[in-house]
């Protein structure tokens, strides 16, 4: 990321779908 590197043994993708792009 722009703030640096984050590392971990596990990563969980909870980024959602494409609905309501105005909310990110």
PDBML (XML) file of the C-alpha atoms, coordinates in Angstrom:
<?xml version="1.0" encoding="UTF-8" ?>
<PDBx:datablock datablockName="MODEL"
   xmlns:PDBx="http://pdbml.pdb.org/schema/pdbx-v50.xsd"
   xmlns:xsi="http://www.w3.org/2001/XMLSchema-instance"
   xsi:schemaLocation="http://pdbml.pdb.org/schema/pdbx-v50.xsd pdbx-v50.xsd">
   <PDBx:atom_siteCategory>
      <PDBx:atom_site id="1">
         <PDBx:B_iso_or_equiv>0.00</PDBx:B_iso_or_equiv>
         <PDBx:Cartn_x>0.000</PDBx:Cartn_x>
         <PDBx:Cartn_y>0.000</PDBx:Cartn_y>
         <PDBx:Cartn_z>0.000</PDBx:Cartn_z>
         <PDBx:auth_asym_id>A</PDBx:auth_asym_id>
         <PDBx:auth_atom_id>CA</PDBx:auth_atom_id>
         <PDBx:auth_comp_id>UNK</PDBx:auth_comp_id>
         <PDBx:auth_seq_id>1</PDBx:auth_seq_id>
         <PDBx:group_PDB>ATOM</PDBx:group_PDB>
         <PDBx:label_alt_id xsi:nil="true" />
         <PDBx:label_asym_id>A</PDBx:label_asym_id>
         <PDBx:label_atom_id>CA</PDBx:label_atom_id>
         <PDBx:label_comp_id>UNK</PDBx:label_comp_id>
         <PDBx:label_entity_id>1</PDBx:label_entity_id>
         <PDBx:label_seq_id>1</PDBx:label_seq_id>
         <PDBx:occupancy>1.00</PDBx:occupancy>
         <PDBx:pdbx_PDB_model_num>1</PDBx:pdbx_PDB_model_num>
         <PDBx:type_symbol>C</PDBx:type_symbol>
      </PDBx:atom_site>
      <PDBx:atom_site id="2">
         <PDBx:B_iso_or_equiv>0.00</PDBx:B_iso_or_equiv>
         <PDBx:Cartn_x>0.962</PDBx:Cartn_x>
         <PDBx:Cartn_y>3.667</PDBx:Cartn_y>
         <PDBx:Cartn_z>-0.081</PDBx:Cartn_z>
         <PDBx:auth_asym_id>A</PDBx:auth_asym_id>
         <PDBx:auth_atom_id>CA</PDBx:auth_atom_id>
         <PDBx:auth_comp_id>UNK</PDBx:auth_comp_id>
         <PDBx:auth_seq_id>2</PDBx:auth_seq_id>
         <PDBx:group_PDB>ATOM</PDBx:group_PDB>
         <PDBx:label_alt_id xsi:nil="true" />
         <PDBx:label_asym_id>A</PDBx:label_asym_id>
         <PDBx:label_atom_id>CA</PDBx:label_atom_id>
         <PDBx:label_comp_id>UNK</PDBx:label_comp_id>
         <PDBx:label_entity_id>1</PDBx:label_entity_id>
         <PDBx:label_seq_id>2</PDBx:label_seq_id>
         <PDBx:occupancy>1.00</PDBx:occupancy>
         <PDBx:pdbx_PDB_model_num>1</PDBx:pdbx_PDB_model_num>
         <PDBx:type_symbol>C</PDBx:type_symbol>
      </PDBx:atom_site>
      <PDBx:atom_site id="3">
         <PDBx:B_iso_or_equiv>0.00</PDBx:B_iso_or_equiv>
         <PDBx:Cartn_x>1.536</PDBx:Cartn_x>
         <PDBx:Cartn_y>3.428</PDBx:Cartn_y>
         <PDBx:Cartn_z>3.674</PDBx:Cartn_z>
         <PDBx:auth_asym_id>A</PDBx:auth_asym_id>
         <PDBx:auth_atom_id>CA</PDBx:auth_atom_id>
         <PDBx:auth_comp_id>UNK</PDBx:auth_comp_id>
         <PDBx:auth_seq_id>3</PDBx:auth_seq_id>
         <PDBx:group_PDB>ATOM</PDBx:group_PDB>
         <PDBx:label_alt_id xsi:nil="true" />
         <PDBx:label_asym_id>A</PDBx:label_asym_id>
         <PDBx:label_atom_id>CA</PDBx:label_atom_id>
         <PDBx:label_comp_id>UNK</PDBx:label_comp_id>
         <PDBx:label_entity_id>1</PDBx:label_entity_id>
         <PDBx:label_seq_id>3</PDBx:label_seq_id>
         <PDBx:occupancy>1.00</PDBx:occupancy>
         <PDBx:pdbx_PDB_model_num>1</PDBx:pdbx_PDB_model_num>
         <PDBx:type_symbol>C</PDBx:type_symbol>
      </PDBx:atom_site>
      <PDBx:atom_site id="4">
         <PDBx:B_iso_or_equiv>0.00</PDBx:B_iso_or_equiv>
         <PDBx:Cartn_x>3.902</PDBx:Cartn_x>
         <PDBx:Cartn_y>0.511</PDBx:Cartn_y>
         <PDBx:Cartn_z>3.469</PDBx:Cartn_z>
         <PDBx:auth_asym_id>A</PDBx:auth_asym_id>
         <PDBx:auth_atom_id>CA</PDBx:auth_atom_id>
         <PDBx:auth_comp_id>UNK</PDBx:auth_comp_id>
         <PDBx:auth_seq_id>4</PDBx:auth_seq_id>
         <PDBx:group_PDB>ATOM</PDBx:group_PDB>
         <PDBx:label_alt_id xsi:nil="true" />
         <PDBx:label_asym_id>A</PDBx:label_asym_id>
         <PDBx:label_atom_id>CA</PDBx:label_atom_id>
         <PDBx:label_comp_id>UNK</PDBx:label_comp_id>
         <PDBx:label_entity_id>1</PDBx:label_entity_id>
         <PDBx:label_seq_id>4</PDBx:label_seq_id>
         <PDBx:occupancy>1.00</PDBx:occupancy>
         <PDBx:pdbx_PDB_model_num>1</PDBx:pdbx_PDB_model_num>
         <PDBx:type_symbol>C</PDBx:type_symbol>
      </PDBx:atom_site>
      <PDBx:atom_site id="5">
         <PDBx:B_iso_or_equiv>0.00</PDBx:B_iso_or_equiv>
         <PDBx:Cartn_x>3.810</PDBx:Cartn_x>
         <PDBx:Cartn_y>-3.264</PDBx:Cartn_y>
         <PDBx:Cartn_z>3.236</PDBx:Cartn_z>
         <PDBx:auth_asym_id>A</PDBx:auth_asym_id>
         <PDBx:auth_atom_id>CA</PDBx:auth_atom_id>
         <PDBx:auth_comp_id>UNK</PDBx:auth_comp_id>
         <PDBx:auth_seq_id>5</PDBx:auth_seq_id>
         <PDBx:group_PDB>ATOM</PDBx:group_PDB>
         <PDBx:label_alt_id xsi:nil="true" />
         <PDBx:label_asym_id>A</PDBx:label_asym_id>
         <PDBx:label_atom_id>CA</PDBx:label_atom_id>
         <PDBx:label_comp_id>UNK</PDBx:label_comp_id>
         <PDBx:label_entity_id>1</PDBx:label_entity_id>
         <PDBx:label_seq_id>5</PDBx:label_seq_id>
         <PDBx:occupancy>1.00</PDBx:occupancy>
         <PDBx:pdbx_PDB_model_num>1</PDBx:pdbx_PDB_model_num>
         <PDBx:type_symbol>C</PDBx:type_symbol>
      </PDBx:atom_site>
      <PDBx:atom_site id="6">
         <PDBx:B_iso_or_equiv>0.00</PDBx:B_iso_or_equiv>
         <PDBx:Cartn_x>1.575</PDBx:Cartn_x>
         <PDBx:Cartn_y>-5.373</PDBx:Cartn_y>
         <PDBx:Cartn_z>5.463</PDBx:Cartn_z>
         <PDBx:auth_asym_id>A</PDBx:auth_asym_id>
         <PDBx:auth_atom_id>CA</PDBx:auth_atom_id>
         <PDBx:auth_comp_id>UNK</PDBx:auth_comp_id>
         <PDBx:auth_seq_id>6</PDBx:auth_seq_id>
         <PDBx:group_PDB>ATOM</PDBx:group_PDB>
         <PDBx:label_alt_id xsi:nil="true" />
         <PDBx:label_asym_id>A</PDBx:label_asym_id>
         <PDBx:label_atom_id>CA</PDBx:label_atom_id>
         <PDBx:label_comp_id>UNK</PDBx:label_comp_id>
         <PDBx:label_entity_id>1</PDBx:label_entity_id>
         <PDBx:label_seq_id>6</PDBx:label_seq_id>
         <PDBx:occupancy>1.00</PDBx:occupancy>
         <PDBx:pdbx_PDB_model_num>1</PDBx:pdbx_PDB_model_num>
         <PDBx:type_symbol>C</PDBx:type_symbol>
      </PDBx:atom_site>
      <PDBx:atom_site id="7">
         <PDBx:B_iso_or_equiv>0.00</PDBx:B_iso_or_equiv>
         <PDBx:Cartn_x>2.369</PDBx:Cartn_x>
         <PDBx:Cartn_y>-9.069</PDBx:Cartn_y>
         <PDBx:Cartn_z>5.743</PDBx:Cartn_z>
         <PDBx:auth_asym_id>A</PDBx:auth_asym_id>
         <PDBx:auth_atom_id>CA</PDBx:auth_atom_id>
         <PDBx:auth_comp_id>UNK</PDBx:auth_comp_id>
         <PDBx:auth_seq_id>7</PDBx:auth_seq_id>
         <PDBx:group_PDB>ATOM</PDBx:group_PDB>
         <PDBx:label_alt_id xsi:nil="true" />
         <PDBx:label_asym_id>A</PDBx:label_asym_id>
         <PDBx:label_atom_id>CA</PDBx:label_atom_id>
         <PDBx:label_comp_id>UNK</PDBx:label_comp_id>
         <PDBx:label_entity_id>1</PDBx:label_entity_id>
         <PDBx:label_seq_id>7</PDBx:label_seq_id>
         <PDBx:occupancy>1.00</PDBx:occupancy>
         <PDBx:pdbx_PDB_model_num>1</PDBx:pdbx_PDB_model_num>
         <PDBx:type_symbol>C</PDBx:type_symbol>
      </PDBx:atom_site>
      <PDBx:atom_site id="8">
         <PDBx:B_iso_or_equiv>0.00</PDBx:B_iso_or_equiv>
         <PDBx:Cartn_x>0.499</PDBx:Cartn_x>
         <PDBx:Cartn_y>-12.035</PDBx:Cartn_y>
         <PDBx:Cartn_z>7.234</PDBx:Cartn_z>
         <PDBx:auth_asym_id>A</PDBx:auth_asym_id>
         <PDBx:auth_atom_id>CA</PDBx:auth_atom_id>
         <PDBx:auth_comp_id>UNK</PDBx:auth_comp_id>
         <PDBx:auth_seq_id>8</PDBx:auth_seq_id>
         <PDBx:group_PDB>ATOM</PDBx:group_PDB>
         <PDBx:label_alt_id xsi:nil="true" />
         <PDBx:label_asym_id>A</PDBx:label_asym_id>
         <PDBx:label_atom_id>CA</PDBx:label_atom_id>
         <PDBx:label_comp_id>UNK</PDBx:label_comp_id>
         <PDBx:label_entity_id>1</PDBx:label_entity_id>
         <PDBx:label_seq_id>8</PDBx:label_seq_id>
         <PDBx:occupancy>1.00</PDBx:occupancy>
         <PDBx:pdbx_PDB_model_num>1</PDBx:pdbx_PDB_model_num>
         <PDBx:type_symbol>C</PDBx:type_symbol>
      </PDBx:atom_site>
      <PDBx:atom_site id="9">
         <PDBx:B_iso_or_equiv>0.00</PDBx:B_iso_or_equiv>
         <PDBx:Cartn_x>0.169</PDBx:Cartn_x>
         <PDBx:Cartn_y>-15.790</PDBx:Cartn_y>
         <PDBx:Cartn_z>6.894</PDBx:Cartn_z>
         <PDBx:auth_asym_id>A</PDBx:auth_asym_id>
         <PDBx:auth_atom_id>CA</PDBx:auth_atom_id>
         <PDBx:auth_comp_id>UNK</PDBx:auth_comp_id>
         <PDBx:auth_seq_id>9</PDBx:auth_seq_id>
         <PDBx:group_PDB>ATOM</PDBx:group_PDB>
         <PDBx:label_alt_id xsi:nil="true" />
         <PDBx:label_asym_id>A</PDBx:label_asym_id>
         <PDBx:label_atom_id>CA</PDBx:label_atom_id>
         <PDBx:label_comp_id>UNK</PDBx:label_comp_id>
         <PDBx:label_entity_id>1</PDBx:label_entity_id>
         <PDBx:label_seq_id>9</PDBx:label_seq_id>
         <PDBx:occupancy>1.00</PDBx:occupancy>
         <PDBx:pdbx_PDB_model_num>1</PDBx:pdbx_PDB_model_num>
         <PDBx:type_symbol>C</PDBx:type_symbol>
      </PDBx:atom_site>
      <PDBx:atom_site id="10">
         <PDBx:B_iso_or_equiv>0.00</PDBx:B_iso_or_equiv>
         <PDBx:Cartn_x>-3.577</PDBx:Cartn_x>
         <PDBx:Cartn_y>-15.432</PDBx:Cartn_y>
         <PDBx:Cartn_z>6.149</PDBx:Cartn_z>
         <PDBx:auth_asym_id>A</PDBx:auth_asym_id>
         <PDBx:auth_atom_id>CA</PDBx:auth_atom_id>
         <PDBx:auth_comp_id>UNK</PDBx:auth_comp_id>
         <PDBx:auth_seq_id>10</PDBx:auth_seq_id>
         <PDBx:group_PDB>ATOM</PDBx:group_PDB>
         <PDBx:label_alt_id xsi:nil="true" />
         <PDBx:label_asym_id>A</PDBx:label_asym_id>
         <PDBx:label_atom_id>CA</PDBx:label_atom_id>
         <PDBx:label_comp_id>UNK</PDBx:label_comp_id>
         <PDBx:label_entity_id>1</PDBx:label_entity_id>
         <PDBx:label_seq_id>10</PDBx:label_seq_id>
         <PDBx:occupancy>1.00</PDBx:occupancy>
         <PDBx:pdbx_PDB_model_num>1</PDBx:pdbx_PDB_model_num>
         <PDBx:type_symbol>C</PDBx:type_symbol>
      </PDBx:atom_site>
      <PDBx:atom_site id="11">
         <PDBx:B_iso_or_equiv>0.00</PDBx:B_iso_or_equiv>
         <PDBx:Cartn_x>-5.466</PDBx:Cartn_x>
         <PDBx:Cartn_y>-12.966</PDBx:Cartn_y>
         <PDBx:Cartn_z>4.024</PDBx:Cartn_z>
         <PDBx:auth_asym_id>A</PDBx:auth_asym_id>
         <PDBx:auth_atom_id>CA</PDBx:auth_atom_id>
         <PDBx:auth_comp_id>UNK</PDBx:auth_comp_id>
         <PDBx:auth_seq_id>11</PDBx:auth_seq_id>
         <PDBx:group_PDB>ATOM</PDBx:group_PDB>
         <PDBx:label_alt_id xsi:nil="true" />
         <PDBx:label_asym_id>A</PDBx:label_asym_id>
         <PDBx:label_atom_id>CA</PDBx:label_atom_id>
         <PDBx:label_comp_id>UNK</PDBx:label_comp_id>
         <PDBx:label_entity_id>1</PDBx:label_entity_id>
         <PDBx:label_seq_id>11</PDBx:label_seq_id>
         <PDBx:occupancy>1.00</PDBx:occupancy>
         <PDBx:pdbx_PDB_model_num>1</PDBx:pdbx_PDB_model_num>
         <PDBx:type_symbol>C</PDBx:type_symbol>
      </PDBx:atom_site>
      <PDBx:atom_site id="12">
         <PDBx:B_iso_or_equiv>0.00</PDBx:B_iso_or_equiv>
         <PDBx:Cartn_x>-9.256</PDBx:Cartn_x>
         <PDBx:Cartn_y>-12.624</PDBx:Cartn_y>
         <PDBx:Cartn_z>3.828</PDBx:Cartn_z>
         <PDBx:auth_asym_id>A</PDBx:auth_asym_id>
         <PDBx:auth_atom_id>CA</PDBx:auth_atom_id>
         <PDBx:auth_comp_id>UNK</PDBx:auth_comp_id>
         <PDBx:auth_seq_id>12</PDBx:auth_seq_id>
         <PDBx:group_PDB>ATOM</PDBx:group_PDB>
         <PDBx:label_alt_id xsi:nil="true" />
         <PDBx:label_asym_id>A</PDBx:label_asym_id>
         <PDBx:label_atom_id>CA</PDBx:label_atom_id>
         <PDBx:label_comp_id>UNK</PDBx:label_comp_id>
         <PDBx:label_entity_id>1</PDBx:label_entity_id>
         <PDBx:label_seq_id>12</PDBx:label_seq_id>
         <PDBx:occupancy>1.00</PDBx:occupancy>
         <PDBx:pdbx_PDB_model_num>1</PDBx:pdbx_PDB_model_num>
         <PDBx:type_symbol>C</PDBx:type_symbol>
      </PDBx:atom_site>
      <PDBx:atom_site id="13">
         <PDBx:B_iso_or_equiv>0.00</PDBx:B_iso_or_equiv>
         <PDBx:Cartn_x>-10.820</PDBx:Cartn_x>
         <PDBx:Cartn_y>-10.963</PDBx:Cartn_y>
         <PDBx:Cartn_z>0.796</PDBx:Cartn_z>
         <PDBx:auth_asym_id>A</PDBx:auth_asym_id>
         <PDBx:auth_atom_id>CA</PDBx:auth_atom_id>
         <PDBx:auth_comp_id>UNK</PDBx:auth_comp_id>
         <PDBx:auth_seq_id>13</PDBx:auth_seq_id>
         <PDBx:group_PDB>ATOM</PDBx:group_PDB>
         <PDBx:label_alt_id xsi:nil="true" />
         <PDBx:label_asym_id>A</PDBx:label_asym_id>
         <PDBx:label_atom_id>CA</PDBx:label_atom_id>
         <PDBx:label_comp_id>UNK</PDBx:label_comp_id>
         <PDBx:label_entity_id>1</PDBx:label_entity_id>
         <PDBx:label_seq_id>13</PDBx:label_seq_id>
         <PDBx:occupancy>1.00</PDBx:occupancy>
         <PDBx:pdbx_PDB_model_num>1</PDBx:pdbx_PDB_model_num>
         <PDBx:type_symbol>C</PDBx:type_symbol>
      </PDBx:atom_site>
      <PDBx:atom_site id="14">
         <PDBx:B_iso_or_equiv>0.00</PDBx:B_iso_or_equiv>
         <PDBx:Cartn_x>-14.013</PDBx:Cartn_x>
         <PDBx:Cartn_y>-9.196</PDBx:Cartn_y>
         <PDBx:Cartn_z>1.904</PDBx:Cartn_z>
         <PDBx:auth_asym_id>A</PDBx:auth_asym_id>
         <PDBx:auth_atom_id>CA</PDBx:auth_atom_id>
         <PDBx:auth_comp_id>UNK</PDBx:auth_comp_id>
         <PDBx:auth_seq_id>14</PDBx:auth_seq_id>
         <PDBx:group_PDB>ATOM</PDBx:group_PDB>
         <PDBx:label_alt_id xsi:nil="true" />
         <PDBx:label_asym_id>A</PDBx:label_asym_id>
         <PDBx:label_atom_id>CA</PDBx:label_atom_id>
         <PDBx:label_comp_id>UNK</PDBx:label_comp_id>
         <PDBx:label_entity_id>1</PDBx:label_entity_id>
         <PDBx:label_seq_id>14</PDBx:label_seq_id>
         <PDBx:occupancy>1.00</PDBx:occupancy>
         <PDBx:pdbx_PDB_model_num>1</PDBx:pdbx_PDB_model_num>
         <PDBx:type_symbol>C</PDBx:type_symbol>
      </PDBx:atom_site>
      <PDBx:atom_site id="15">
         <PDBx:B_iso_or_equiv>0.00</PDBx:B_iso_or_equiv>
         <PDBx:Cartn_x>-14.041</PDBx:Cartn_x>
         <PDBx:Cartn_y>-6.485</PDBx:Cartn_y>
         <PDBx:Cartn_z>-0.746</PDBx:Cartn_z>
         <PDBx:auth_asym_id>A</PDBx:auth_asym_id>
         <PDBx:auth_atom_id>CA</PDBx:auth_atom_id>
         <PDBx:auth_comp_id>UNK</PDBx:auth_comp_id>
         <PDBx:auth_seq_id>15</PDBx:auth_seq_id>
         <PDBx:group_PDB>ATOM</PDBx:group_PDB>
         <PDBx:label_alt_id xsi:nil="true" />
         <PDBx:label_asym_id>A</PDBx:label_asym_id>
         <PDBx:label_atom_id>CA</PDBx:label_atom_id>
         <PDBx:label_comp_id>UNK</PDBx:label_comp_id>
         <PDBx:label_entity_id>1</PDBx:label_entity_id>
         <PDBx:label_seq_id>15</PDBx:label_seq_id>
         <PDBx:occupancy>1.00</PDBx:occupancy>
         <PDBx:pdbx_PDB_model_num>1</PDBx:pdbx_PDB_model_num>
         <PDBx:type_symbol>C</PDBx:type_symbol>
      </PDBx:atom_site>
      <PDBx:atom_site id="16">
         <PDBx:B_iso_or_equiv>0.00</PDBx:B_iso_or_equiv>
         <PDBx:Cartn_x>-17.669</PDBx:Cartn_x>
         <PDBx:Cartn_y>-6.887</PDBx:Cartn_y>
         <PDBx:Cartn_z>-1.816</PDBx:Cartn_z>
         <PDBx:auth_asym_id>A</PDBx:auth_asym_id>
         <PDBx:auth_atom_id>CA</PDBx:auth_atom_id>
         <PDBx:auth_comp_id>UNK</PDBx:auth_comp_id>
         <PDBx:auth_seq_id>16</PDBx:auth_seq_id>
         <PDBx:group_PDB>ATOM</PDBx:group_PDB>
         <PDBx:label_alt_id xsi:nil="true" />
         <PDBx:label_asym_id>A</PDBx:label_asym_id>
         <PDBx:label_atom_id>CA</PDBx:label_atom_id>
         <PDBx:label_comp_id>UNK</PDBx:label_comp_id>
         <PDBx:label_entity_id>1</PDBx:label_entity_id>
         <PDBx:label_seq_id>16</PDBx:label_seq_id>
         <PDBx:occupancy>1.00</PDBx:occupancy>
         <PDBx:pdbx_PDB_model_num>1</PDBx:pdbx_PDB_model_num>
         <PDBx:type_symbol>C</PDBx:type_symbol>
      </PDBx:atom_site>
      <PDBx:atom_site id="17">
         <PDBx:B_iso_or_equiv>0.00</PDBx:B_iso_or_equiv>
         <PDBx:Cartn_x>-19.074</PDBx:Cartn_x>
         <PDBx:Cartn_y>-6.728</PDBx:Cartn_y>
         <PDBx:Cartn_z>-5.314</PDBx:Cartn_z>
         <PDBx:auth_asym_id>A</PDBx:auth_asym_id>
         <PDBx:auth_atom_id>CA</PDBx:auth_atom_id>
         <PDBx:auth_comp_id>UNK</PDBx:auth_comp_id>
         <PDBx:auth_seq_id>17</PDBx:auth_seq_id>
         <PDBx:group_PDB>ATOM</PDBx:group_PDB>
         <PDBx:label_alt_id xsi:nil="true" />
         <PDBx:label_asym_id>A</PDBx:label_asym_id>
         <PDBx:label_atom_id>CA</PDBx:label_atom_id>
         <PDBx:label_comp_id>UNK</PDBx:label_comp_id>
         <PDBx:label_entity_id>1</PDBx:label_entity_id>
         <PDBx:label_seq_id>17</PDBx:label_seq_id>
         <PDBx:occupancy>1.00</PDBx:occupancy>
         <PDBx:pdbx_PDB_model_num>1</PDBx:pdbx_PDB_model_num>
         <PDBx:type_symbol>C</PDBx:type_symbol>
      </PDBx:atom_site>
      <PDBx:atom_site id="18">
         <PDBx:B_iso_or_equiv>0.00</PDBx:B_iso_or_equiv>
         <PDBx:Cartn_x>-19.700</PDBx:Cartn_x>
         <PDBx:Cartn_y>-4.058</PDBx:Cartn_y>
         <PDBx:Cartn_z>-7.933</PDBx:Cartn_z>
         <PDBx:auth_asym_id>A</PDBx:auth_asym_id>
         <PDBx:auth_atom_id>CA</PDBx:auth_atom_id>
         <PDBx:auth_comp_id>UNK</PDBx:auth_comp_id>
         <PDBx:auth_seq_id>18</PDBx:auth_seq_id>
         <PDBx:group_PDB>ATOM</PDBx:group_PDB>
         <PDBx:label_alt_id xsi:nil="true" />
         <PDBx:label_asym_id>A</PDBx:label_asym_id>
         <PDBx:label_atom_id>CA</PDBx:label_atom_id>
         <PDBx:label_comp_id>UNK</PDBx:label_comp_id>
         <PDBx:label_entity_id>1</PDBx:label_entity_id>
         <PDBx:label_seq_id>18</PDBx:label_seq_id>
         <PDBx:occupancy>1.00</PDBx:occupancy>
         <PDBx:pdbx_PDB_model_num>1</PDBx:pdbx_PDB_model_num>
         <PDBx:type_symbol>C</PDBx:type_symbol>
      </PDBx:atom_site>
      <PDBx:atom_site id="19">
         <PDBx:B_iso_or_equiv>0.00</PDBx:B_iso_or_equiv>
         <PDBx:Cartn_x>-22.969</PDBx:Cartn_x>
         <PDBx:Cartn_y>-2.668</PDBx:Cartn_y>
         <PDBx:Cartn_z>-6.574</PDBx:Cartn_z>
         <PDBx:auth_asym_id>A</PDBx:auth_asym_id>
         <PDBx:auth_atom_id>CA</PDBx:auth_atom_id>
         <PDBx:auth_comp_id>UNK</PDBx:auth_comp_id>
         <PDBx:auth_seq_id>19</PDBx:auth_seq_id>
         <PDBx:group_PDB>ATOM</PDBx:group_PDB>
         <PDBx:label_alt_id xsi:nil="true" />
         <PDBx:label_asym_id>A</PDBx:label_asym_id>
         <PDBx:label_atom_id>CA</PDBx:label_atom_id>
         <PDBx:label_comp_id>UNK</PDBx:label_comp_id>
         <PDBx:label_entity_id>1</PDBx:label_entity_id>
         <PDBx:label_seq_id>19</PDBx:label_seq_id>
         <PDBx:occupancy>1.00</PDBx:occupancy>
         <PDBx:pdbx_PDB_model_num>1</PDBx:pdbx_PDB_model_num>
         <PDBx:type_symbol>C</PDBx:type_symbol>
      </PDBx:atom_site>
      <PDBx:atom_site id="20">
         <PDBx:B_iso_or_equiv>0.00</PDBx:B_iso_or_equiv>
         <PDBx:Cartn_x>-23.219</PDBx:Cartn_x>
         <PDBx:Cartn_y>1.038</PDBx:Cartn_y>
         <PDBx:Cartn_z>-5.709</PDBx:Cartn_z>
         <PDBx:auth_asym_id>A</PDBx:auth_asym_id>
         <PDBx:auth_atom_id>CA</PDBx:auth_atom_id>
         <PDBx:auth_comp_id>UNK</PDBx:auth_comp_id>
         <PDBx:auth_seq_id>20</PDBx:auth_seq_id>
         <PDBx:group_PDB>ATOM</PDBx:group_PDB>
         <PDBx:label_alt_id xsi:nil="true" />
         <PDBx:label_asym_id>A</PDBx:label_asym_id>
         <PDBx:label_atom_id>CA</PDBx:label_atom_id>
         <PDBx:label_comp_id>UNK</PDBx:label_comp_id>
         <PDBx:label_entity_id>1</PDBx:label_entity_id>
         <PDBx:label_seq_id>20</PDBx:label_seq_id>
         <PDBx:occupancy>1.00</PDBx:occupancy>
         <PDBx:pdbx_PDB_model_num>1</PDBx:pdbx_PDB_model_num>
         <PDBx:type_symbol>C</PDBx:type_symbol>
      </PDBx:atom_site>
      <PDBx:atom_site id="21">
         <PDBx:B_iso_or_equiv>0.00</PDBx:B_iso_or_equiv>
         <PDBx:Cartn_x>-19.835</PDBx:Cartn_x>
         <PDBx:Cartn_y>2.221</PDBx:Cartn_y>
         <PDBx:Cartn_z>-7.046</PDBx:Cartn_z>
         <PDBx:auth_asym_id>A</PDBx:auth_asym_id>
         <PDBx:auth_atom_id>CA</PDBx:auth_atom_id>
         <PDBx:auth_comp_id>UNK</PDBx:auth_comp_id>
         <PDBx:auth_seq_id>21</PDBx:auth_seq_id>
         <PDBx:group_PDB>ATOM</PDBx:group_PDB>
         <PDBx:label_alt_id xsi:nil="true" />
         <PDBx:label_asym_id>A</PDBx:label_asym_id>
         <PDBx:label_atom_id>CA</PDBx:label_atom_id>
         <PDBx:label_comp_id>UNK</PDBx:label_comp_id>
         <PDBx:label_entity_id>1</PDBx:label_entity_id>
         <PDBx:label_seq_id>21</PDBx:label_seq_id>
         <PDBx:occupancy>1.00</PDBx:occupancy>
         <PDBx:pdbx_PDB_model_num>1</PDBx:pdbx_PDB_model_num>
         <PDBx:type_symbol>C</PDBx:type_symbol>
      </PDBx:atom_site>
      <PDBx:atom_site id="22">
         <PDBx:B_iso_or_equiv>0.00</PDBx:B_iso_or_equiv>
         <PDBx:Cartn_x>-20.516</PDBx:Cartn_x>
         <PDBx:Cartn_y>5.680</PDBx:Cartn_y>
         <PDBx:Cartn_z>-5.584</PDBx:Cartn_z>
         <PDBx:auth_asym_id>A</PDBx:auth_asym_id>
         <PDBx:auth_atom_id>CA</PDBx:auth_atom_id>
         <PDBx:auth_comp_id>UNK</PDBx:auth_comp_id>
         <PDBx:auth_seq_id>22</PDBx:auth_seq_id>
         <PDBx:group_PDB>ATOM</PDBx:group_PDB>
         <PDBx:label_alt_id xsi:nil="true" />
         <PDBx:label_asym_id>A</PDBx:label_asym_id>
         <PDBx:label_atom_id>CA</PDBx:label_atom_id>
         <PDBx:label_comp_id>UNK</PDBx:label_comp_id>
         <PDBx:label_entity_id>1</PDBx:label_entity_id>
         <PDBx:label_seq_id>22</PDBx:label_seq_id>
         <PDBx:occupancy>1.00</PDBx:occupancy>
         <PDBx:pdbx_PDB_model_num>1</PDBx:pdbx_PDB_model_num>
         <PDBx:type_symbol>C</PDBx:type_symbol>
      </PDBx:atom_site>
      <PDBx:atom_site id="23">
         <PDBx:B_iso_or_equiv>0.00</PDBx:B_iso_or_equiv>
         <PDBx:Cartn_x>-19.849</PDBx:Cartn_x>
         <PDBx:Cartn_y>4.092</PDBx:Cartn_y>
         <PDBx:Cartn_z>-2.178</PDBx:Cartn_z>
         <PDBx:auth_asym_id>A</PDBx:auth_asym_id>
         <PDBx:auth_atom_id>CA</PDBx:auth_atom_id>
         <PDBx:auth_comp_id>UNK</PDBx:auth_comp_id>
         <PDBx:auth_seq_id>23</PDBx:auth_seq_id>
         <PDBx:group_PDB>ATOM</PDBx:group_PDB>
         <PDBx:label_alt_id xsi:nil="true" />
         <PDBx:label_asym_id>A</PDBx:label_asym_id>
         <PDBx:label_atom_id>CA</PDBx:label_atom_id>
         <PDBx:label_comp_id>UNK</PDBx:label_comp_id>
         <PDBx:label_entity_id>1</PDBx:label_entity_id>
         <PDBx:label_seq_id>23</PDBx:label_seq_id>
         <PDBx:occupancy>1.00</PDBx:occupancy>
         <PDBx:pdbx_PDB_model_num>1</PDBx:pdbx_PDB_model_num>
         <PDBx:type_symbol>C</PDBx:type_symbol>
      </PDBx:atom_site>
      <PDBx:atom_site id="24">
         <PDBx:B_iso_or_equiv>0.00</PDBx:B_iso_or_equiv>
         <PDBx:Cartn_x>-16.504</PDBx:Cartn_x>
         <PDBx:Cartn_y>2.724</PDBx:Cartn_y>
         <PDBx:Cartn_z>-3.280</PDBx:Cartn_z>
         <PDBx:auth_asym_id>A</PDBx:auth_asym_id>
         <PDBx:auth_atom_id>CA</PDBx:auth_atom_id>
         <PDBx:auth_comp_id>UNK</PDBx:auth_comp_id>
         <PDBx:auth_seq_id>24</PDBx:auth_seq_id>
         <PDBx:group_PDB>ATOM</PDBx:group_PDB>
         <PDBx:label_alt_id xsi:nil="true" />
         <PDBx:label_asym_id>A</PDBx:label_asym_id>
         <PDBx:label_atom_id>CA</PDBx:label_atom_id>
         <PDBx:label_comp_id>UNK</PDBx:label_comp_id>
         <PDBx:label_entity_id>1</PDBx:label_entity_id>
         <PDBx:label_seq_id>24</PDBx:label_seq_id>
         <PDBx:occupancy>1.00</PDBx:occupancy>
         <PDBx:pdbx_PDB_model_num>1</PDBx:pdbx_PDB_model_num>
         <PDBx:type_symbol>C</PDBx:type_symbol>
      </PDBx:atom_site>
   </PDBx:atom_siteCategory>
</PDBx:datablock>
